[in-house]
Amino acid sequence: MRKPIIIDTDPGVDDSVALLLAFGDPDKFDIKLITTTSGNVPVSVCTQNVLYLCDNFKPYNIDVAEGEDVYKNIEAREVHGKHGLGNVVIGETKQKKLDTPAVDAIYKVLMESKTKVILAEFGPITNYAKLLKEHPDCKDKIDFIFFMGASTNGEGNVTPYAEFNVYKNPEALLDVLKSGVKITFCPKHLGDDCIFKLTDFTEHVCERKKDEFLRDLFLGANEPWHPGCFCVYDAQVMLGLLYPELYDFKKCDITVCLEGEKRGQTFITLNENGKCTVQLAKDIELIKKIIYEELYL
């Protein structure tokens, strides 16, 4: 039976890779909805990027809904390109976003679902936090939230202390934790370890539109802390759902700082009685191999 899933995202280079992985295995997942949140680029740009990806690569009809453009404290255009998709240029899209705002669209899907739904989070967790505050009655419809965010050791990638997705809205993460919904963390270090050379994509033979998309996506990608390389953080969430046997999932606790220069700092600590779960790689080279193979199937 295909698992129902909602994806919240802020594309973004690695978000795009994660979405291509999600689209590439339609027998495993029934993607009920994709929602957008402000993160790597403003939310309106994120929405156009998702619509472009849906126009060109989705395996079946998938609705797209836009969230609010909140928490404009930082973006990541210098990493993901001016419009979030590296050197990819998009125009008008055939598919249009829903008139319904993201949170209302998520709530509708959840309440109409006959089974529990997985909520995947590739960006700041703003939409899911707002959902749980405004519609606490939907909690029993959520299987768990799988969030690419936080750090195991208090180190960051946007400040010395804060991981990007948490830094964008740490209050939202605390609201989700307080809700009692089960949450699995895909921590920053998984992405740090899953690092590809840009030439793995830019020099790959282009035989299909997806190959050309990946080439142009990575031609415009830039991680100053990893010259000539790129970390695919968000892809770890989808691979964890597609191939859970590649990972250990351990019980854990998490602390989140809201104040001062360490705002957004997180510490994930293993605890067999913990209320959360953390995703840990068994073999990072095998994980990289499978991501690459899945993208070029």
C-alpha atoms as a PDB file:
ATOM      1  CA  MET A   1       0.000   0.000   0.000  1.00  0.00           C
ATOM      2  CA  ARG A   2       1.339   3.426  -0.979  1.00  0.00           C
ATOM      3  CA  LYS A   3       2.019   5.645   2.020  1.00  0.00           C
ATOM      4  CA  PRO A   4       0.223   9.022   1.990  1.00  0.00           C
ATOM      5  CA  ILE A   5       2.637  11.930   2.381  1.00  0.00           C
ATOM      6  CA  ILE A   6       2.591  15.734   2.383  1.00  0.00           C
ATOM      7  CA  ILE A   7       5.812  17.582   1.526  1.00  0.00           C
ATOM      8  CA  ASP A   8       6.639  21.095   2.749  1.00  0.00           C
ATOM      9  CA  THR A   9       9.608  22.667   1.017  1.00  0.00           C
ATOM     10  CA  ASP A  10      11.600  25.777   0.027  1.00  0.00           C
ATOM     11  CA  PRO A  11      13.439  24.874  -3.223  1.00  0.00           C
ATOM     12  CA  GLY A  12      16.520  25.198  -3.173  1.00  0.00           C
ATOM     13  CA  VAL A  13      18.946  22.894  -4.901  1.00  0.00           C
ATOM     14  CA  ASP A  14      18.871  20.056  -2.376  1.00  0.00           C
ATOM     15  CA  ASP A  15      15.079  20.422  -1.991  1.00  0.00           C
ATOM     16  CA  SER A  16      14.816  19.860  -5.743  1.00  0.00           C
ATOM     17  CA  VAL A  17      16.904  16.711  -5.466  1.00  0.00           C
ATOM     18  CA  ALA A  18      14.625  15.511  -2.659  1.00  0.00           C
ATOM     19  CA  LEU A  19      11.518  16.195  -4.767  1.00  0.00           C
ATOM     20  CA  LEU A  20      12.985  14.310  -7.744  1.00  0.00           C
ATOM     21  CA  LEU A  21      13.600  11.345  -5.435  1.00  0.00           C
ATOM     22  CA  ALA A  22      10.000  11.578  -4.223  1.00  0.00           C
ATOM     23  CA  PHE A  23       8.686  11.728  -7.800  1.00  0.00           C
ATOM     24  CA  GLY A  24      10.908   8.859  -8.910  1.00  0.00           C
ATOM     25  CA  ASP A  25       9.180   6.109  -6.914  1.00  0.00           C
ATOM     26  CA  PRO A  26       5.400   6.568  -7.287  1.00  0.00           C
ATOM     27  CA  ASP A  27       4.735   2.982  -6.165  1.00  0.00           C
ATOM     28  CA  LYS A  28       5.889   3.753  -2.604  1.00  0.00           C
ATOM     29  CA  PHE A  29       4.252   7.099  -1.901  1.00  0.00           C
ATOM     30  CA  ASP A  30       1.016   8.871  -2.604  1.00  0.00           C
ATOM     31  CA  ILE A  31       2.020  12.531  -2.508  1.00  0.00           C
ATOM     32  CA  LYS A  32      -1.219  14.214  -1.450  1.00  0.00           C
ATOM     33  CA  LEU A  33       0.062  17.792  -1.450  1.00  0.00           C
ATOM     34  CA  ILE A  34       3.196  19.920  -1.722  1.00  0.00           C
ATOM     35  CA  THR A  35       3.300  23.165   0.252  1.00  0.00           C
ATOM     36  CA  THR A  36       5.879  25.929   0.211  1.00  0.00           C
ATOM     37  CA  THR A  37       7.496  27.960   2.948  1.00  0.00           C
ATOM     38  CA  SER A  38       9.891  30.917   2.907  1.00  0.00           C
ATOM     39  CA  GLY A  39      13.430  29.683   3.335  1.00  0.00           C
ATOM     40  CA  ASN A  40      16.204  29.551   0.751  1.00  0.00           C
ATOM     41  CA  VAL A  41      14.278  32.121  -1.325  1.00  0.00           C
ATOM     42  CA  PRO A  42      10.986  34.000  -0.772  1.00  0.00           C
ATOM     43  CA  VAL A  43       7.916  31.802  -0.645  1.00  0.00           C
ATOM     44  CA  SER A  44       6.483  33.042  -3.961  1.00  0.00           C
ATOM     45  CA  VAL A  45       9.707  31.977  -5.707  1.00  0.00           C
ATOM     46  CA  CYS A  46       9.638  28.624  -3.889  1.00  0.00           C
ATOM     47  CA  THR A  47       6.096  28.087  -5.170  1.00  0.00           C
ATOM     48  CA  GLN A  48       7.061  28.794  -8.783  1.00  0.00           C
ATOM     49  CA  ASN A  49       9.984  26.383  -8.424  1.00  0.00           C
ATOM     50  CA  VAL A  50       7.711  23.621  -7.141  1.00  0.00           C
ATOM     51  CA  LEU A  51       5.200  24.251  -9.921  1.00  0.00           C
ATOM     52  CA  TYR A  52       8.016  24.002 -12.474  1.00  0.00           C
ATOM     53  CA  LEU A  53       9.170  20.703 -10.996  1.00  0.00           C
ATOM     54  CA  CYS A  54       5.599  19.405 -11.022  1.00  0.00           C
ATOM     55  CA  ASP A  55       5.081  20.510 -14.623  1.00  0.00           C
ATOM     56  CA  ASN A  56       8.129  18.608 -15.766  1.00  0.00           C
ATOM     57  CA  PHE A  57       8.716  15.676 -13.427  1.00  0.00           C
ATOM     58  CA  LYS A  58       5.715  14.754 -11.258  1.00  0.00           C
ATOM     59  CA  PRO A  59       4.403  11.202 -11.834  1.00  0.00           C
ATOM     60  CA  TYR A  60       0.720  12.103 -11.301  1.00  0.00           C
ATOM     61  CA  ASN A  61      -1.430  15.074 -10.344  1.00  0.00           C
ATOM     62  CA  ILE A  62      -0.180  16.764  -7.156  1.00  0.00           C
ATOM     63  CA  ASP A  63      -1.704  19.938  -5.731  1.00  0.00           C
ATOM     64  CA  VAL A  64       0.587  22.791  -4.636  1.00  0.00           C
ATOM     65  CA  ALA A  65      -0.299  25.352  -1.956  1.00  0.00           C
ATOM     66  CA  GLU A  66       1.656  28.389  -0.823  1.00  0.00           C
ATOM     67  CA  GLY A  67       2.478  29.322   2.768  1.00  0.00           C
ATOM     68  CA  GLU A  68       3.136  32.743   4.245  1.00  0.00           C
ATOM     69  CA  ASP A  69       6.308  34.720   3.563  1.00  0.00           C
ATOM     70  CA  VAL A  70       7.390  35.085   7.174  1.00  0.00           C
ATOM     71  CA  TYR A  71      10.706  35.234   9.029  1.00  0.00           C
ATOM     72  CA  LYS A  72      12.710  37.087   6.382  1.00  0.00           C
ATOM     73  CA  ASN A  73      15.792  37.181   8.602  1.00  0.00           C
ATOM     74  CA  ILE A  74      17.953  35.300   6.094  1.00  0.00           C
ATOM     75  CA  GLU A  75      17.916  33.634   2.679  1.00  0.00           C
ATOM     76  CA  ALA A  76      20.425  31.464   0.817  1.00  0.00           C
ATOM     77  CA  ARG A  77      20.466  32.781  -2.753  1.00  0.00           C
ATOM     78  CA  GLU A  78      24.273  32.817  -2.708  1.00  0.00           C
ATOM     79  CA  VAL A  79      24.154  29.031  -2.279  1.00  0.00           C
ATOM     80  CA  HIS A  80      21.145  28.068  -4.401  1.00  0.00           C
ATOM     81  CA  GLY A  81      21.177  30.740  -7.083  1.00  0.00           C
ATOM     82  CA  LYS A  82      19.178  33.944  -7.495  1.00  0.00           C
ATOM     83  CA  HIS A  83      15.892  32.072  -7.948  1.00  0.00           C
ATOM     84  CA  GLY A  84      16.754  28.963  -5.954  1.00  0.00           C
ATOM     85  CA  LEU A  85      17.310  26.545  -8.842  1.00  0.00           C
ATOM     86  CA  GLY A  86      20.927  27.250  -9.697  1.00  0.00           C
ATOM     87  CA  ASN A  87      21.144  28.190 -13.384  1.00  0.00           C
ATOM     88  CA  VAL A  88      17.735  26.761 -14.292  1.00  0.00           C
ATOM     89  CA  VAL A  89      15.503  29.369 -15.943  1.00  0.00           C
ATOM     90  CA  ILE A  90      11.745  28.909 -15.641  1.00  0.00           C
ATOM     91  CA  GLY A  91       8.911  30.818 -17.216  1.00  0.00           C
ATOM     92  CA  GLU A  92       5.167  30.552 -16.785  1.00  0.00           C
ATOM     93  CA  THR A  93       4.040  27.186 -15.492  1.00  0.00           C
ATOM     94  CA  LYS A  94       1.051  25.180 -16.683  1.00  0.00           C
ATOM     95  CA  GLN A  95       0.104  24.128 -13.183  1.00  0.00           C
ATOM     96  CA  LYS A  96      -1.111  26.845 -10.855  1.00  0.00           C
ATOM     97  CA  LYS A  97      -1.087  26.933  -7.078  1.00  0.00           C
ATOM     98  CA  LEU A  98      -4.259  26.344  -5.137  1.00  0.00           C
ATOM     99  CA  ASP A  99      -6.210  29.371  -3.981  1.00  0.00           C
ATOM    100  CA  THR A 100      -6.257  27.741  -0.536  1.00  0.00           C
ATOM    101  CA  PRO A 101      -3.378  28.759   1.787  1.00  0.00           C
ATOM    102  CA  ALA A 102      -0.912  26.020   2.715  1.00  0.00           C
ATOM    103  CA  VAL A 103      -2.106  25.415   6.284  1.00  0.00           C
ATOM    104  CA  ASP A 104      -5.758  25.124   5.254  1.00  0.00           C
ATOM    105  CA  ALA A 105      -4.823  22.790   2.398  1.00  0.00           C
ATOM    106  CA  ILE A 106      -2.784  20.558   4.716  1.00  0.00           C
ATOM    107  CA  TYR A 107      -5.635  20.421   7.216  1.00  0.00           C
ATOM    108  CA  LYS A 108      -8.132  19.448   4.516  1.00  0.00           C
ATOM    109  CA  VAL A 109      -5.935  16.607   3.250  1.00  0.00           C
ATOM    110  CA  LEU A 110      -5.352  15.297   6.764  1.00  0.00           C
ATOM    111  CA  MET A 111      -8.985  15.337   7.798  1.00  0.00           C
ATOM    112  CA  GLU A 112     -10.099  13.637   4.581  1.00  0.00           C
ATOM    113  CA  SER A 113      -7.465  10.913   4.797  1.00  0.00           C
ATOM    114  CA  LYS A 114      -8.587   7.443   5.895  1.00  0.00           C
ATOM    115  CA  THR A 115      -5.078   6.638   7.142  1.00  0.00           C
ATOM    116  CA  LYS A 116      -2.375   8.578   8.942  1.00  0.00           C
ATOM    117  CA  VAL A 117      -0.237  10.861   6.781  1.00  0.00           C
ATOM    118  CA  ILE A 118       3.537  11.408   6.926  1.00  0.00           C
ATOM    119  CA  LEU A 119       4.550  15.089   6.940  1.00  0.00           C
ATOM    120  CA  ALA A 120       7.959  15.566   5.311  1.00  0.00           C
ATOM    121  CA  GLU A 121       9.728  18.868   5.959  1.00  0.00           C
ATOM    122  CA  PHE A 122      12.538  20.050   3.667  1.00  0.00           C
ATOM    123  CA  GLY A 123      12.566  23.645   4.944  1.00  0.00           C
ATOM    124  CA  PRO A 124      11.717  25.755   8.005  1.00  0.00           C
ATOM    125  CA  ILE A 125       8.880  24.096   9.914  1.00  0.00           C
ATOM    126  CA  THR A 126       6.642  27.197   9.922  1.00  0.00           C
ATOM    127  CA  ASN A 127       3.620  25.703   8.145  1.00  0.00           C
ATOM    128  CA  TYR A 128       3.389  22.597  10.317  1.00  0.00           C
ATOM    129  CA  ALA A 129       3.736  24.657  13.499  1.00  0.00           C
ATOM    130  CA  LYS A 130       0.908  26.944  12.417  1.00  0.00           C
ATOM    131  CA  LEU A 131      -1.189  23.914  11.469  1.00  0.00           C
ATOM    132  CA  LEU A 132      -0.817  22.357  14.911  1.00  0.00           C
ATOM    133  CA  LYS A 133      -1.594  25.618  16.713  1.00  0.00           C
ATOM    134  CA  GLU A 134      -4.688  26.410  14.638  1.00  0.00           C
ATOM    135  CA  HIS A 135      -5.959  22.843  14.181  1.00  0.00           C
ATOM    136  CA  PRO A 136      -4.892  20.657  17.113  1.00  0.00           C
ATOM    137  CA  ASP A 137      -7.691  18.255  16.212  1.00  0.00           C
ATOM    138  CA  CYS A 138      -5.613  17.031  13.255  1.00  0.00           C
ATOM    139  CA  LYS A 139      -2.838  15.532  15.401  1.00  0.00           C
ATOM    140  CA  ASP A 140      -4.296  12.039  15.333  1.00  0.00           C
ATOM    141  CA  LYS A 141      -4.202  12.133  11.532  1.00  0.00           C
ATOM    142  CA  ILE A 142      -0.406  12.642  11.462  1.00  0.00           C
ATOM    143  CA  ASP A 143       1.820   9.564  11.391  1.00  0.00           C
ATOM    144  CA  PHE A 144       4.974  11.599  12.141  1.00  0.00           C
ATOM    145  CA  ILE A 145       6.894  14.653  10.948  1.00  0.00           C
ATOM    146  CA  PHE A 146      10.251  13.973   9.260  1.00  0.00           C
ATOM    147  CA  PHE A 147      12.222  17.229   9.573  1.00  0.00           C
ATOM    148  CA  MET A 148      15.514  18.068   7.914  1.00  0.00           C
ATOM    149  CA  GLY A 149      16.873  20.354  10.584  1.00  0.00           C
ATOM    150  CA  ALA A 150      18.830  20.755  13.816  1.00  0.00           C
ATOM    151  CA  SER A 151      22.277  19.674  14.900  1.00  0.00           C
ATOM    152  CA  THR A 152      23.622  16.919  17.085  1.00  0.00           C
ATOM    153  CA  ASN A 153      26.463  18.994  18.509  1.00  0.00           C
ATOM    154  CA  GLY A 154      25.286  22.616  18.590  1.00  0.00           C
ATOM    155  CA  GLU A 155      27.169  23.623  15.448  1.00  0.00           C
ATOM    156  CA  GLY A 156      25.491  25.541  12.643  1.00  0.00           C
ATOM    157  CA  ASN A 157      25.775  26.243   8.932  1.00  0.00           C
ATOM    158  CA  VAL A 158      24.224  29.724   8.861  1.00  0.00           C
ATOM    159  CA  THR A 159      25.742  30.972  12.122  1.00  0.00           C
ATOM    160  CA  PRO A 160      28.398  29.179  14.156  1.00  0.00           C
ATOM    161  CA  TYR A 161      25.563  27.800  16.276  1.00  0.00           C
ATOM    162  CA  ALA A 162      22.425  27.450  14.140  1.00  0.00           C
ATOM    163  CA  GLU A 163      21.353  25.133  11.335  1.00  0.00           C
ATOM    164  CA  PHE A 164      19.509  27.059   8.578  1.00  0.00           C
ATOM    165  CA  ASN A 165      16.025  25.536   8.806  1.00  0.00           C
ATOM    166  CA  VAL A 166      15.873  25.952  12.581  1.00  0.00           C
ATOM    167  CA  TYR A 167      17.432  29.429  12.577  1.00  0.00           C
ATOM    168  CA  LYS A 168      14.760  30.646  10.191  1.00  0.00           C
ATOM    169  CA  ASN A 169      12.041  29.932  12.784  1.00  0.00           C
ATOM    170  CA  PRO A 170      13.136  28.219  16.035  1.00  0.00           C
ATOM    171  CA  GLU A 171       9.858  29.182  17.724  1.00  0.00           C
ATOM    172  CA  ALA A 172       8.029  27.032  15.179  1.00  0.00           C
ATOM    173  CA  LEU A 173      10.154  24.022  16.061  1.00  0.00           C
ATOM    174  CA  LEU A 174       9.379  24.488  19.755  1.00  0.00           C
ATOM    175  CA  ASP A 175       5.666  24.735  18.969  1.00  0.00           C
ATOM    176  CA  VAL A 176       5.817  21.443  17.070  1.00  0.00           C
ATOM    177  CA  LEU A 177       7.704  19.771  19.908  1.00  0.00           C
ATOM    178  CA  LYS A 178       5.133  21.010  22.424  1.00  0.00           C
ATOM    179  CA  SER A 179       2.292  19.622  20.314  1.00  0.00           C
ATOM    180  CA  GLY A 180       3.288  16.058  21.140  1.00  0.00           C
ATOM    181  CA  VAL A 181       3.313  14.938  17.487  1.00  0.00           C
ATOM    182  CA  LYS A 182       6.050  12.400  16.783  1.00  0.00           C
ATOM    183  CA  ILE A 183       9.029  13.980  15.037  1.00  0.00           C
ATOM    184  CA  THR A 184      12.082  12.424  13.412  1.00  0.00           C
ATOM    185  CA  PHE A 185      15.113  14.659  12.868  1.00  0.00           C
ATOM    186  CA  CYS A 186      17.398  14.409   9.862  1.00  0.00           C
ATOM    187  CA  PRO A 187      20.325  16.313  11.431  1.00  0.00           C
ATOM    188  CA  LYS A 188      22.689  18.727   9.734  1.00  0.00           C
ATOM    189  CA  HIS A 189      25.666  16.388   9.905  1.00  0.00           C
ATOM    190  CA  LEU A 190      23.950  13.870   7.618  1.00  0.00           C
ATOM    191  CA  GLY A 191      23.957  16.476   4.870  1.00  0.00           C
ATOM    192  CA  ASP A 192      27.489  17.551   5.739  1.00  0.00           C
ATOM    193  CA  ASP A 193      28.639  13.969   5.216  1.00  0.00           C
ATOM    194  CA  CYS A 194      26.601  13.410   2.021  1.00  0.00           C
ATOM    195  CA  ILE A 195      28.708  15.644  -0.182  1.00  0.00           C
ATOM    196  CA  PHE A 196      28.962  15.398  -3.969  1.00  0.00           C
ATOM    197  CA  LYS A 197      31.332  17.011  -6.430  1.00  0.00           C
ATOM    198  CA  LEU A 198      29.473  19.484  -8.630  1.00  0.00           C
ATOM    199  CA  THR A 199      31.050  17.779 -11.649  1.00  0.00           C
ATOM    200  CA  ASP A 200      29.188  14.566 -10.730  1.00  0.00           C
ATOM    201  CA  PHE A 201      26.133  16.368 -12.110  1.00  0.00           C
ATOM    202  CA  THR A 202      27.457  19.069 -14.410  1.00  0.00           C
ATOM    203  CA  GLU A 203      29.530  16.624 -16.482  1.00  0.00           C
ATOM    204  CA  HIS A 204      26.998  13.800 -16.563  1.00  0.00           C
ATOM    205  CA  VAL A 205      25.840  12.856 -20.052  1.00  0.00           C
ATOM    206  CA  CYS A 206      22.470  14.511 -20.727  1.00  0.00           C
ATOM    207  CA  GLU A 207      20.032  12.152 -22.408  1.00  0.00           C
ATOM    208  CA  ARG A 208      16.779  13.412 -20.874  1.00  0.00           C
ATOM    209  CA  LYS A 209      15.208  16.616 -19.654  1.00  0.00           C
ATOM    210  CA  LYS A 210      15.863  15.578 -16.046  1.00  0.00           C
ATOM    211  CA  ASP A 211      19.582  15.169 -16.809  1.00  0.00           C
ATOM    212  CA  GLU A 212      19.680  18.682 -18.247  1.00  0.00           C
ATOM    213  CA  PHE A 213      17.800  20.013 -15.245  1.00  0.00           C
ATOM    214  CA  LEU A 214      20.288  18.456 -12.825  1.00  0.00           C
ATOM    215  CA  ARG A 215      23.205  19.812 -14.863  1.00  0.00           C
ATOM    216  CA  ASP A 216      21.865  23.368 -14.823  1.00  0.00           C
ATOM    217  CA  LEU A 217      20.755  23.078 -11.202  1.00  0.00           C
ATOM    218  CA  PHE A 218      24.270  22.286 -10.039  1.00  0.00           C
ATOM    219  CA  LEU A 219      25.998  24.629 -12.487  1.00  0.00           C
ATOM    220  CA  GLY A 220      24.501  27.464 -10.426  1.00  0.00           C
ATOM    221  CA  ALA A 221      25.021  25.890  -7.005  1.00  0.00           C
ATOM    222  CA  ASN A 222      27.698  27.237  -4.694  1.00  0.00           C
ATOM    223  CA  GLU A 223      28.699  26.254  -1.175  1.00  0.00           C
ATOM    224  CA  PRO A 224      31.536  28.597  -0.129  1.00  0.00           C
ATOM    225  CA  TRP A 225      32.508  26.232   2.690  1.00  0.00           C
ATOM    226  CA  HIS A 226      32.806  23.314   0.211  1.00  0.00           C
ATOM    227  CA  PRO A 227      34.312  24.763  -3.012  1.00  0.00           C
ATOM    228  CA  GLY A 228      33.397  22.662  -6.026  1.00  0.00           C
ATOM    229  CA  CYS A 229      31.049  20.476  -3.972  1.00  0.00           C
ATOM    230  CA  PHE A 230      27.482  20.442  -2.671  1.00  0.00           C
ATOM    231  CA  CYS A 231      25.746  18.786   0.290  1.00  0.00           C
ATOM    232  CA  VAL A 232      22.296  17.319  -0.415  1.00  0.00           C
ATOM    233  CA  TYR A 233      20.758  17.761   3.035  1.00  0.00           C
ATOM    234  CA  ASP A 234      17.068  17.398   2.204  1.00  0.00           C
ATOM    235  CA  ALA A 235      17.556  14.297   0.075  1.00  0.00           C
ATOM    236  CA  GLN A 236      18.298  12.380   3.282  1.00  0.00           C
ATOM    237  CA  VAL A 237      14.651  12.709   4.352  1.00  0.00           C
ATOM    238  CA  MET A 238      13.318  11.135   1.180  1.00  0.00           C
ATOM    239  CA  LEU A 239      15.963   8.426   1.164  1.00  0.00           C
ATOM    240  CA  GLY A 240      15.141   7.670   4.788  1.00  0.00           C
ATOM    241  CA  LEU A 241      11.526   7.121   3.732  1.00  0.00           C
ATOM    242  CA  LEU A 242      12.402   5.161   0.599  1.00  0.00           C
ATOM    243  CA  TYR A 243      15.179   3.033   2.116  1.00  0.00           C
ATOM    244  CA  PRO A 244      14.899   3.082   5.927  1.00  0.00           C
ATOM    245  CA  GLU A 245      17.240   0.085   6.111  1.00  0.00           C
ATOM    246  CA  LEU A 246      20.130   2.422   5.197  1.00  0.00           C
ATOM    247  CA  TYR A 247      19.792   4.215   8.530  1.00  0.00           C
ATOM    248  CA  ASP A 248      19.540   3.702  12.256  1.00  0.00           C
ATOM    249  CA  PHE A 249      16.668   5.560  13.891  1.00  0.00           C
ATOM    250  CA  LYS A 250      17.445   6.247  17.539  1.00  0.00           C
ATOM    251  CA  LYS A 251      15.366   7.781  20.322  1.00  0.00           C
ATOM    252  CA  CYS A 252      16.615  11.218  21.332  1.00  0.00           C
ATOM    253  CA  ASP A 253      15.914  14.515  23.066  1.00  0.00           C
ATOM    254  CA  ILE A 254      16.512  17.995  21.668  1.00  0.00           C
ATOM    255  CA  THR A 255      17.098  21.458  23.117  1.00  0.00           C
ATOM    256  CA  VAL A 256      16.437  24.671  21.161  1.00  0.00           C
ATOM    257  CA  CYS A 257      17.856  28.115  22.001  1.00  0.00           C
ATOM    258  CA  LEU A 258      15.750  31.201  21.238  1.00  0.00           C
ATOM    259  CA  GLU A 259      17.878  33.992  22.658  1.00  0.00           C
ATOM    260  CA  GLY A 260      20.988  36.005  21.837  1.00  0.00           C
ATOM    261  CA  GLU A 261      23.825  35.099  19.501  1.00  0.00           C
ATOM    262  CA  LYS A 262      23.072  31.385  19.902  1.00  0.00           C
ATOM    263  CA  ARG A 263      19.487  31.760  18.676  1.00  0.00           C
ATOM    264  CA  GLY A 264      18.555  28.642  16.726  1.00  0.00           C
ATOM    265  CA  GLN A 265      21.226  26.457  18.316  1.00  0.00           C
ATOM    266  CA  THR A 266      20.127  22.865  18.831  1.00  0.00           C
ATOM    267  CA  PHE A 267      21.582  19.855  20.585  1.00  0.00           C
ATOM    268  CA  ILE A 268      20.258  16.386  19.758  1.00  0.00           C
ATOM    269  CA  THR A 269      21.241  13.832  22.382  1.00  0.00           C
ATOM    270  CA  LEU A 270      20.553  10.105  22.273  1.00  0.00           C
ATOM    271  CA  ASN A 271      18.200   8.885  24.994  1.00  0.00           C
ATOM    272  CA  GLU A 272      16.438   5.522  24.813  1.00  0.00           C
ATOM    273  CA  ASN A 273      13.503   7.159  26.604  1.00  0.00           C
ATOM    274  CA  GLY A 274      13.560  10.279  24.428  1.00  0.00           C
ATOM    275  CA  LYS A 275      10.440  11.780  22.914  1.00  0.00           C
ATOM    276  CA  CYS A 276      11.942  12.272  19.439  1.00  0.00           C
ATOM    277  CA  THR A 277      13.878  10.193  16.902  1.00  0.00           C
ATOM    278  CA  VAL A 278      17.092  10.968  15.045  1.00  0.00           C
ATOM    279  CA  GLN A 279      18.202   9.543  11.698  1.00  0.00           C
ATOM    280  CA  LEU A 280      21.788   8.199  11.611  1.00  0.00           C
ATOM    281  CA  ALA A 281      23.571   6.849   8.534  1.00  0.00           C
ATOM    282  CA  LYS A 282      24.916   3.305   8.471  1.00  0.00           C
ATOM    283  CA  ASP A 283      27.051   3.697   5.329  1.00  0.00           C
ATOM    284  CA  ILE A 284      27.274   7.192   3.841  1.00  0.00           C
ATOM    285  CA  GLU A 285      29.048   6.038   0.665  1.00  0.00           C
ATOM    286  CA  LEU A 286      26.250   3.571  -0.065  1.00  0.00           C
ATOM    287  CA  ILE A 287      23.708   6.324   0.587  1.00  0.00           C
ATOM    288  CA  LYS A 288      25.458   8.618  -1.896  1.00  0.00           C
ATOM    289  CA  LYS A 289      25.569   5.825  -4.475  1.00  0.00           C
ATOM    290  CA  ILE A 290      21.839   5.165  -4.153  1.00  0.00           C
ATOM    291  CA  ILE A 291      20.903   8.870  -4.349  1.00  0.00           C
ATOM    292  CA  TYR A 292      22.934   9.200  -7.552  1.00  0.00           C
ATOM    293  CA  GLU A 293      21.484   6.045  -9.073  1.00  0.00           C
ATOM    294  CA  GLU A 294      17.924   7.070  -8.187  1.00  0.00           C
ATOM    295  CA  LEU A 295      18.370  10.472  -9.832  1.00  0.00           C
ATOM    296  CA  TYR A 296      19.643   8.978 -13.086  1.00  0.00           C
ATOM    297  CA  LEU A 297      17.330   5.973 -13.372  1.00  0.00           C
END
